[in-house]
Each structure stands twice: as C-alpha cells, then as structure tokens.
C-alpha cells in the first residue's frame, strides 16, 4: 500500500469549508441526502459549543484528505471519562494511503493524554474495510454488549 504524506492536526474554524464538504460526503456514505448547509451548521454548532474535537488531515499542498470527529463522554461503570470516535472519513482519492490510520493515531493519542479510560466507536456491520483497519490498530470488537437505539 502506498503511503500518502498526511499532516494531521486539530481542526479550527479556518478548516470549516473543507470539513463541511467532507462531512456532507460522509453523511451521504451513510445514505443521508446531500445537504451541505446542514453539514456546515452542525459542525459550526459543535465547534462553537465545544462539544466535539475535530481532526483534519491535509496533504503537503493543503488539500483536505479526511477528518475525524470525537465526542467526550463518561462511563459510569468505570467511573471515568471516555471518548467516542463517531465520525471518520477519508476522501476517495486518499483512501488506502494511511490517512485513516494517521487520523486514528492522533485521536488515540489525544484520548490517552486526556486521561480517558478508553476510546469507543461503532461502524456498520457491512463496513469490513473499516473493521479491518480498527482491528489492525488493536481495537477489539465488543462481543458482550448489544447496542440499542430509540429514534424520535
């Protein structure tokens, strides 16, 4: 696999235009209708309210390659802070070049340095490529708990 030189860092408001485009593409991957304004508004709200940590990967010329969004949370059983890696997306031309791994590496490092007990994520059962990446990085699939949702 060819490696692409990815510069990964915490995103800021100057990254918003590129983040919004990629976030809209990410939502479309999960079968949501294209809605660039909704994607942008959502990210602005998370940034403004300090509710998530956004990471961005760019190439050496500054082109956006991917992003990751993390949410701080807590685990009552562990009585500790945890982080949730909720969104991970790499542009089509940058896939299979190590960009997702670089984003995950920074996410893991930030969570570890914050004192979090763990970092959680979920993915579609059909997303075998993502599962292979997670497992190659030492992530372990939960075989004990089932996840339920209630939609409104």
N, C-alpha and C. Protein backbone atom coordinates (compact mmCIF):
# COMPACT_ATOMS: atom_id res chain seq x y z
N UNK A 1 0.84 -1.18 0.00
CA UNK A 1 0.00 0.00 0.00
C UNK A 1 0.88 1.24 0.00
N UNK A 2 0.59 2.15 -0.88
CA UNK A 2 1.31 3.42 -0.93
C UNK A 2 0.89 4.29 0.24
N UNK A 3 1.84 4.99 0.82
CA UNK A 3 1.54 5.93 1.90
C UNK A 3 1.49 7.34 1.33
N UNK A 4 0.53 8.09 1.80
CA UNK A 4 0.39 9.48 1.41
C UNK A 4 0.83 10.31 2.62
N UNK A 5 1.61 11.32 2.39
CA UNK A 5 2.05 12.18 3.48
C UNK A 5 0.85 13.00 3.95
N UNK A 6 0.35 12.67 5.14
CA UNK A 6 -0.80 13.37 5.70
C UNK A 6 -0.35 14.17 6.91
N UNK A 7 -0.70 15.43 6.93
CA UNK A 7 -0.46 16.28 8.09
C UNK A 7 -1.78 16.32 8.85
N UNK A 8 -1.77 15.76 10.05
CA UNK A 8 -2.99 15.62 10.84
C UNK A 8 -2.88 16.51 12.07
N UNK A 9 -3.96 17.25 12.34
CA UNK A 9 -3.97 18.16 13.48
C UNK A 9 -5.40 18.42 13.90
N UNK A 10 -5.55 19.07 15.06
CA UNK A 10 -6.87 19.52 15.47
C UNK A 10 -7.35 20.57 14.48
N UNK A 11 -8.59 20.48 14.10
CA UNK A 11 -9.17 21.44 13.17
C UNK A 11 -9.58 22.71 13.92
N UNK A 12 -9.65 23.79 13.17
CA UNK A 12 -10.17 25.05 13.72
C UNK A 12 -11.11 25.66 12.69
N UNK A 13 -11.62 26.83 13.00
CA UNK A 13 -12.63 27.44 12.12
C UNK A 13 -12.13 27.69 10.70
N UNK A 14 -10.83 27.84 10.53
CA UNK A 14 -10.28 28.04 9.18
C UNK A 14 -10.45 26.79 8.31
N UNK A 15 -10.72 25.66 8.93
CA UNK A 15 -10.90 24.40 8.22
C UNK A 15 -12.36 24.11 7.87
N UNK A 16 -13.25 24.99 8.29
CA UNK A 16 -14.68 24.71 8.22
C UNK A 16 -15.19 24.42 6.82
N UNK A 17 -14.75 25.16 5.82
CA UNK A 17 -15.24 24.91 4.45
C UNK A 17 -14.92 23.49 4.01
N UNK A 18 -13.69 23.07 4.20
CA UNK A 18 -13.29 21.71 3.79
C UNK A 18 -13.97 20.65 4.65
N UNK A 19 -14.08 20.90 5.95
CA UNK A 19 -14.74 19.95 6.83
C UNK A 19 -16.20 19.76 6.43
N UNK A 20 -16.89 20.84 6.11
CA UNK A 20 -18.31 20.75 5.75
C UNK A 20 -18.51 19.91 4.49
N UNK A 21 -17.64 20.08 3.50
CA UNK A 21 -17.74 19.29 2.28
C UNK A 21 -17.55 17.81 2.59
N UNK A 22 -16.52 17.49 3.36
CA UNK A 22 -16.25 16.08 3.69
C UNK A 22 -17.34 15.50 4.59
N UNK A 23 -17.85 16.30 5.53
CA UNK A 23 -18.89 15.82 6.43
C UNK A 23 -20.16 15.50 5.64
N UNK A 24 -20.47 16.32 4.66
CA UNK A 24 -21.63 16.05 3.79
C UNK A 24 -21.41 14.75 3.02
N UNK A 25 -20.21 14.52 2.50
CA UNK A 25 -19.90 13.27 1.79
C UNK A 25 -20.00 12.07 2.74
N UNK A 26 -19.53 12.25 3.96
CA UNK A 26 -19.60 11.19 4.98
C UNK A 26 -21.06 10.82 5.24
N UNK A 27 -21.91 11.82 5.41
CA UNK A 27 -23.33 11.55 5.66
C UNK A 27 -23.97 10.84 4.47
N UNK A 28 -23.57 11.20 3.26
CA UNK A 28 -24.11 10.53 2.08
C UNK A 28 -23.67 9.07 2.03
N UNK A 29 -22.45 8.78 2.50
CA UNK A 29 -21.98 7.39 2.58
C UNK A 29 -22.93 6.57 3.44
N UNK A 30 -23.49 7.20 4.47
CA UNK A 30 -24.45 6.52 5.36
C UNK A 30 -25.89 6.78 4.92
N UNK A 31 -26.07 6.98 3.62
CA UNK A 31 -27.37 7.05 2.95
C UNK A 31 -28.26 8.20 3.41
N UNK A 32 -27.63 9.31 3.77
CA UNK A 32 -28.36 10.53 4.09
C UNK A 32 -28.35 11.42 2.85
N UNK A 33 -29.41 12.21 2.64
CA UNK A 33 -29.43 13.08 1.46
C UNK A 33 -28.35 14.16 1.56
N UNK A 34 -27.83 14.54 0.42
CA UNK A 34 -26.85 15.63 0.38
C UNK A 34 -27.49 16.89 0.94
N UNK A 35 -26.76 17.55 1.84
CA UNK A 35 -27.26 18.79 2.45
C UNK A 35 -26.07 19.54 3.02
N UNK A 36 -25.39 20.27 2.15
CA UNK A 36 -24.16 20.95 2.53
C UNK A 36 -24.39 21.96 3.65
N UNK A 37 -25.51 22.66 3.61
CA UNK A 37 -25.78 23.66 4.65
C UNK A 37 -26.02 23.01 6.01
N UNK A 38 -26.73 21.89 6.00
CA UNK A 38 -26.95 21.16 7.26
C UNK A 38 -25.63 20.67 7.84
N UNK A 39 -24.78 20.14 6.98
CA UNK A 39 -23.47 19.65 7.42
C UNK A 39 -22.67 20.79 8.04
N UNK A 40 -22.65 21.91 7.37
CA UNK A 40 -21.89 23.07 7.88
C UNK A 40 -22.46 23.57 9.21
N UNK A 41 -23.78 23.71 9.29
CA UNK A 41 -24.41 24.20 10.51
C UNK A 41 -24.12 23.27 11.69
N UNK A 42 -24.16 21.99 11.44
CA UNK A 42 -23.89 21.02 12.51
C UNK A 42 -22.47 21.19 13.04
N UNK A 43 -21.51 21.30 12.13
CA UNK A 43 -20.12 21.45 12.55
C UNK A 43 -19.88 22.78 13.25
N UNK A 44 -20.49 23.85 12.76
CA UNK A 44 -20.35 25.15 13.42
C UNK A 44 -20.86 25.06 14.85
N UNK A 45 -21.99 24.42 15.05
CA UNK A 45 -22.56 24.28 16.39
C UNK A 45 -21.63 23.48 17.30
N UNK A 46 -21.07 22.39 16.80
CA UNK A 46 -20.16 21.58 17.64
C UNK A 46 -18.92 22.38 18.01
N UNK A 47 -18.37 23.13 17.04
CA UNK A 47 -17.17 23.94 17.30
C UNK A 47 -17.48 25.07 18.27
N UNK A 48 -18.56 25.79 18.01
CA UNK A 48 -18.92 26.95 18.83
C UNK A 48 -19.20 26.55 20.27
N UNK A 49 -19.86 25.42 20.45
CA UNK A 49 -20.24 24.98 21.79
C UNK A 49 -19.20 24.08 22.45
N UNK A 50 -18.11 23.80 21.75
CA UNK A 50 -17.04 22.99 22.30
C UNK A 50 -17.48 21.57 22.63
N UNK A 51 -18.39 21.04 21.83
CA UNK A 51 -18.97 19.72 22.11
C UNK A 51 -18.24 18.55 21.47
N UNK A 52 -17.32 18.84 20.57
CA UNK A 52 -16.57 17.76 19.94
C UNK A 52 -15.16 18.25 19.64
N UNK A 53 -14.31 17.30 19.32
CA UNK A 53 -12.96 17.60 18.85
C UNK A 53 -12.92 17.12 17.40
N UNK A 54 -12.59 18.01 16.51
CA UNK A 54 -12.47 17.68 15.10
C UNK A 54 -11.00 17.65 14.71
N UNK A 55 -10.63 16.60 13.99
CA UNK A 55 -9.27 16.46 13.46
C UNK A 55 -9.36 16.53 11.95
N UNK A 56 -8.35 17.08 11.33
CA UNK A 56 -8.32 17.14 9.86
C UNK A 56 -6.98 16.66 9.37
N UNK A 57 -7.01 15.99 8.23
CA UNK A 57 -5.79 15.54 7.55
C UNK A 57 -5.70 16.31 6.23
N UNK A 58 -4.51 16.85 5.98
CA UNK A 58 -4.25 17.57 4.73
C UNK A 58 -2.96 17.04 4.13
N UNK A 59 -2.83 17.17 2.81
CA UNK A 59 -1.56 16.81 2.20
C UNK A 59 -0.62 18.00 2.30
N UNK A 60 0.58 17.85 1.78
CA UNK A 60 1.59 18.91 1.90
C UNK A 60 1.20 20.20 1.19
N UNK A 61 0.31 20.10 0.19
CA UNK A 61 -0.14 21.30 -0.52
C UNK A 61 -1.33 21.96 0.16
N UNK A 62 -1.87 21.31 1.21
CA UNK A 62 -3.00 21.86 1.94
C UNK A 62 -4.35 21.27 1.56
N UNK A 63 -4.36 20.35 0.61
CA UNK A 63 -5.63 19.73 0.20
C UNK A 63 -6.17 18.84 1.33
N UNK A 64 -7.45 18.98 1.63
CA UNK A 64 -8.08 18.18 2.67
C UNK A 64 -8.20 16.73 2.21
N UNK A 65 -7.79 15.81 3.08
CA UNK A 65 -7.80 14.39 2.78
C UNK A 65 -8.82 13.61 3.60
N UNK A 66 -9.14 14.11 4.79
CA UNK A 66 -10.07 13.39 5.65
C UNK A 66 -10.25 14.11 6.97
N UNK A 67 -11.17 13.58 7.77
CA UNK A 67 -11.43 14.16 9.09
C UNK A 67 -11.89 13.08 10.05
N UNK A 68 -11.86 13.44 11.31
CA UNK A 68 -12.32 12.58 12.39
C UNK A 68 -13.02 13.48 13.40
N UNK A 69 -14.13 13.01 13.96
CA UNK A 69 -14.82 13.78 15.00
C UNK A 69 -14.96 12.91 16.24
N UNK A 70 -14.55 13.47 17.35
CA UNK A 70 -14.58 12.78 18.64
C UNK A 70 -15.50 13.52 19.60
N UNK A 71 -16.21 12.76 20.41
CA UNK A 71 -17.07 13.34 21.43
C UNK A 71 -16.62 12.86 22.80
N UNK A 72 -16.43 13.81 23.73
CA UNK A 72 -16.12 13.39 25.10
C UNK A 72 -17.38 12.82 25.75
N UNK A 73 -17.19 11.81 26.58
CA UNK A 73 -18.31 11.19 27.28
C UNK A 73 -17.79 10.61 28.58
N UNK A 74 -18.64 9.81 29.24
CA UNK A 74 -18.27 9.20 30.51
C UNK A 74 -18.78 7.78 30.57
N UNK A 75 -18.10 6.98 31.37
CA UNK A 75 -18.52 5.61 31.63
C UNK A 75 -18.79 5.48 33.12
N UNK A 76 -20.05 5.28 33.47
CA UNK A 76 -20.42 5.16 34.89
C UNK A 76 -19.79 3.94 35.54
N UNK A 77 -19.73 2.83 34.82
CA UNK A 77 -19.18 1.60 35.39
C UNK A 77 -17.70 1.78 35.72
N UNK A 78 -16.96 2.38 34.82
CA UNK A 78 -15.53 2.62 35.05
C UNK A 78 -15.30 3.89 35.89
N UNK A 79 -16.35 4.64 36.12
CA UNK A 79 -16.26 5.95 36.78
C UNK A 79 -15.11 6.77 36.21
N UNK A 80 -15.14 6.89 34.89
CA UNK A 80 -14.05 7.56 34.20
C UNK A 80 -14.56 8.22 32.92
N UNK A 81 -13.77 9.17 32.45
CA UNK A 81 -14.04 9.80 31.15
C UNK A 81 -13.68 8.82 30.04
N UNK A 82 -14.45 8.84 28.99
CA UNK A 82 -14.14 8.10 27.77
C UNK A 82 -14.34 9.06 26.60
N UNK A 83 -13.86 8.69 25.44
CA UNK A 83 -14.13 9.45 24.23
C UNK A 83 -14.81 8.51 23.24
N UNK A 84 -15.64 9.08 22.38
CA UNK A 84 -16.30 8.33 21.33
C UNK A 84 -15.80 8.85 19.99
N UNK A 85 -15.19 7.97 19.21
CA UNK A 85 -14.79 8.30 17.85
C UNK A 85 -16.02 8.02 17.01
N UNK A 86 -16.73 9.07 16.65
CA UNK A 86 -18.02 8.89 15.99
C UNK A 86 -17.92 8.98 14.47
N UNK A 87 -17.12 9.88 13.97
CA UNK A 87 -17.02 10.09 12.52
C UNK A 87 -15.57 9.94 12.07
N UNK A 88 -15.37 9.17 11.02
CA UNK A 88 -14.06 9.02 10.40
C UNK A 88 -14.30 8.92 8.91
N UNK A 89 -13.68 9.83 8.16
CA UNK A 89 -13.91 9.87 6.72
C UNK A 89 -12.63 10.26 6.01
N UNK A 90 -12.36 9.58 4.91
CA UNK A 90 -11.23 9.90 4.04
C UNK A 90 -11.76 10.06 2.63
N UNK A 91 -11.32 11.12 1.94
CA UNK A 91 -11.77 11.34 0.57
C UNK A 91 -11.37 10.16 -0.30
N UNK A 92 -12.15 9.96 -1.34
CA UNK A 92 -11.96 8.77 -2.17
C UNK A 92 -10.54 8.65 -2.73
N UNK A 93 -9.96 9.75 -3.19
CA UNK A 93 -8.62 9.69 -3.78
C UNK A 93 -7.51 9.46 -2.75
N UNK A 94 -7.83 9.63 -1.47
CA UNK A 94 -6.81 9.45 -0.42
C UNK A 94 -6.95 8.12 0.32
N UNK A 95 -7.95 7.33 -0.04
CA UNK A 95 -8.17 6.06 0.65
C UNK A 95 -7.06 5.06 0.33
N UNK A 96 -6.78 4.22 1.31
CA UNK A 96 -5.78 3.16 1.21
C UNK A 96 -4.36 3.72 1.11
N UNK A 97 -4.16 4.91 1.70
CA UNK A 97 -2.85 5.54 1.72
C UNK A 97 -2.40 5.88 3.14
N UNK A 98 -3.07 5.33 4.14
CA UNK A 98 -2.67 5.56 5.52
C UNK A 98 -3.27 6.77 6.19
N UNK A 99 -4.17 7.48 5.51
CA UNK A 99 -4.75 8.70 6.07
C UNK A 99 -5.66 8.36 7.25
N UNK A 100 -6.52 7.37 7.12
CA UNK A 100 -7.40 6.99 8.23
C UNK A 100 -6.58 6.57 9.44
N UNK A 101 -5.52 5.82 9.21
CA UNK A 101 -4.66 5.40 10.31
C UNK A 101 -4.01 6.59 11.00
N UNK A 102 -3.61 7.58 10.22
CA UNK A 102 -2.99 8.78 10.81
C UNK A 102 -4.00 9.57 11.64
N UNK A 103 -5.24 9.67 11.16
CA UNK A 103 -6.29 10.33 11.94
C UNK A 103 -6.56 9.57 13.23
N UNK A 104 -6.64 8.25 13.12
CA UNK A 104 -6.89 7.43 14.31
C UNK A 104 -5.75 7.53 15.31
N UNK A 105 -4.53 7.59 14.81
CA UNK A 105 -3.37 7.70 15.70
C UNK A 105 -3.45 8.96 16.54
N UNK A 106 -3.80 10.09 15.92
CA UNK A 106 -3.92 11.33 16.69
C UNK A 106 -5.10 11.25 17.65
N UNK A 107 -6.23 10.69 17.21
CA UNK A 107 -7.39 10.54 18.09
C UNK A 107 -7.03 9.70 19.31
N UNK A 108 -6.35 8.59 19.09
CA UNK A 108 -5.94 7.71 20.19
C UNK A 108 -4.99 8.44 21.14
N UNK A 109 -4.07 9.20 20.57
CA UNK A 109 -3.10 9.93 21.39
C UNK A 109 -3.78 11.01 22.23
N UNK A 110 -4.70 11.75 21.64
CA UNK A 110 -5.42 12.79 22.37
C UNK A 110 -6.25 12.20 23.51
N UNK A 111 -6.94 11.10 23.23
CA UNK A 111 -7.76 10.46 24.26
C UNK A 111 -6.88 9.95 25.40
N UNK A 112 -5.78 9.31 25.04
CA UNK A 112 -4.86 8.77 26.05
C UNK A 112 -4.30 9.91 26.92
N UNK A 113 -3.85 10.99 26.28
CA UNK A 113 -3.26 12.11 27.02
C UNK A 113 -4.28 12.86 27.87
N UNK A 114 -5.55 12.77 27.52
CA UNK A 114 -6.59 13.44 28.31
C UNK A 114 -6.93 12.66 29.57
N UNK A 115 -6.41 11.44 29.67
CA UNK A 115 -6.71 10.59 30.83
C UNK A 115 -7.95 9.74 30.64
N UNK A 116 -8.47 9.68 29.44
CA UNK A 116 -9.65 8.85 29.18
C UNK A 116 -9.35 7.39 29.45
N UNK A 117 -10.35 6.68 29.93
CA UNK A 117 -10.20 5.25 30.21
C UNK A 117 -10.17 4.44 28.91
N UNK A 118 -10.89 4.94 27.90
CA UNK A 118 -10.92 4.22 26.62
C UNK A 118 -11.50 5.12 25.54
N UNK A 119 -11.43 4.62 24.34
CA UNK A 119 -11.98 5.27 23.15
C UNK A 119 -12.91 4.24 22.51
N UNK A 120 -14.17 4.61 22.27
CA UNK A 120 -15.15 3.71 21.68
C UNK A 120 -15.50 4.16 20.26
N UNK A 121 -15.95 3.23 19.44
CA UNK A 121 -16.50 3.56 18.13
C UNK A 121 -17.47 2.47 17.73
N UNK A 122 -18.31 2.79 16.78
CA UNK A 122 -19.17 1.78 16.17
C UNK A 122 -19.12 1.99 14.67
N UNK A 123 -19.39 0.93 13.95
CA UNK A 123 -19.39 1.01 12.50
C UNK A 123 -20.44 0.07 11.95
N UNK A 124 -20.81 0.25 10.72
CA UNK A 124 -21.78 -0.62 10.08
C UNK A 124 -21.23 -2.05 10.00
N UNK A 125 -22.09 -3.01 10.22
CA UNK A 125 -21.67 -4.42 10.14
C UNK A 125 -21.07 -4.73 8.76
N UNK A 126 -21.55 -4.02 7.74
CA UNK A 126 -21.11 -4.28 6.37
C UNK A 126 -19.80 -3.58 6.03
N UNK A 127 -19.28 -2.73 6.91
CA UNK A 127 -18.08 -1.95 6.60
C UNK A 127 -16.82 -2.74 6.98
N UNK A 128 -16.55 -3.77 6.21
CA UNK A 128 -15.44 -4.68 6.50
C UNK A 128 -14.08 -4.00 6.41
N UNK A 129 -13.93 -3.06 5.49
CA UNK A 129 -12.64 -2.36 5.37
C UNK A 129 -12.33 -1.57 6.64
N UNK A 130 -13.32 -0.88 7.17
CA UNK A 130 -13.11 -0.13 8.41
C UNK A 130 -12.80 -1.07 9.56
N UNK A 131 -13.53 -2.16 9.65
CA UNK A 131 -13.30 -3.13 10.72
C UNK A 131 -11.88 -3.68 10.67
N UNK A 132 -11.40 -3.95 9.48
CA UNK A 132 -10.02 -4.45 9.33
C UNK A 132 -9.02 -3.42 9.82
N UNK A 133 -9.26 -2.15 9.51
CA UNK A 133 -8.37 -1.08 9.99
C UNK A 133 -8.37 -1.03 11.51
N UNK A 134 -9.55 -1.02 12.11
CA UNK A 134 -9.65 -0.93 13.56
C UNK A 134 -8.92 -2.09 14.23
N UNK A 135 -9.17 -3.27 13.74
CA UNK A 135 -8.55 -4.46 14.34
C UNK A 135 -7.04 -4.46 14.14
N UNK A 136 -6.57 -3.93 13.03
CA UNK A 136 -5.12 -3.87 12.79
C UNK A 136 -4.45 -2.90 13.77
N UNK A 137 -5.22 -1.97 14.34
CA UNK A 137 -4.69 -1.00 15.29
C UNK A 137 -4.87 -1.45 16.74
N UNK A 138 -5.39 -2.65 16.93
CA UNK A 138 -5.54 -3.19 18.28
C UNK A 138 -6.91 -2.99 18.90
N UNK A 139 -7.85 -2.42 18.16
CA UNK A 139 -9.21 -2.28 18.67
C UNK A 139 -9.85 -3.66 18.74
N UNK A 140 -10.70 -3.86 19.74
CA UNK A 140 -11.34 -5.16 19.96
C UNK A 140 -12.86 -5.00 19.85
N UNK A 141 -13.46 -5.86 19.04
CA UNK A 141 -14.92 -5.83 18.88
C UNK A 141 -15.58 -6.32 20.16
N UNK A 142 -16.59 -5.59 20.59
CA UNK A 142 -17.33 -5.98 21.79
C UNK A 142 -18.22 -7.17 21.45
N UNK A 143 -18.05 -8.25 22.18
CA UNK A 143 -18.85 -9.46 21.98
C UNK A 143 -19.82 -9.67 23.14
N UNK A 144 -19.85 -8.72 24.10
CA UNK A 144 -20.66 -8.88 25.30
C UNK A 144 -21.95 -8.05 25.23
N UNK A 145 -21.81 -6.79 24.83
CA UNK A 145 -22.94 -5.88 24.87
C UNK A 145 -23.59 -5.72 23.51
N UNK A 146 -24.90 -5.58 23.52
CA UNK A 146 -25.66 -5.23 22.34
C UNK A 146 -26.00 -3.75 22.43
N UNK A 147 -26.06 -3.09 21.32
CA UNK A 147 -26.38 -1.66 21.27
C UNK A 147 -27.79 -1.50 20.75
N UNK A 148 -28.58 -0.72 21.45
CA UNK A 148 -29.94 -0.43 21.05
C UNK A 148 -30.09 1.08 20.82
N UNK A 149 -31.02 1.45 19.96
CA UNK A 149 -31.31 2.86 19.72
C UNK A 149 -32.82 3.06 19.72
N UNK A 150 -33.23 4.24 20.09
CA UNK A 150 -34.63 4.64 20.04
C UNK A 150 -34.68 5.93 19.25
N UNK A 151 -35.25 5.87 18.07
CA UNK A 151 -35.33 7.06 17.20
C UNK A 151 -36.61 7.84 17.48
N UNK A 152 -36.52 9.16 17.32
CA UNK A 152 -37.67 10.03 17.52
C UNK A 152 -37.97 10.79 16.26
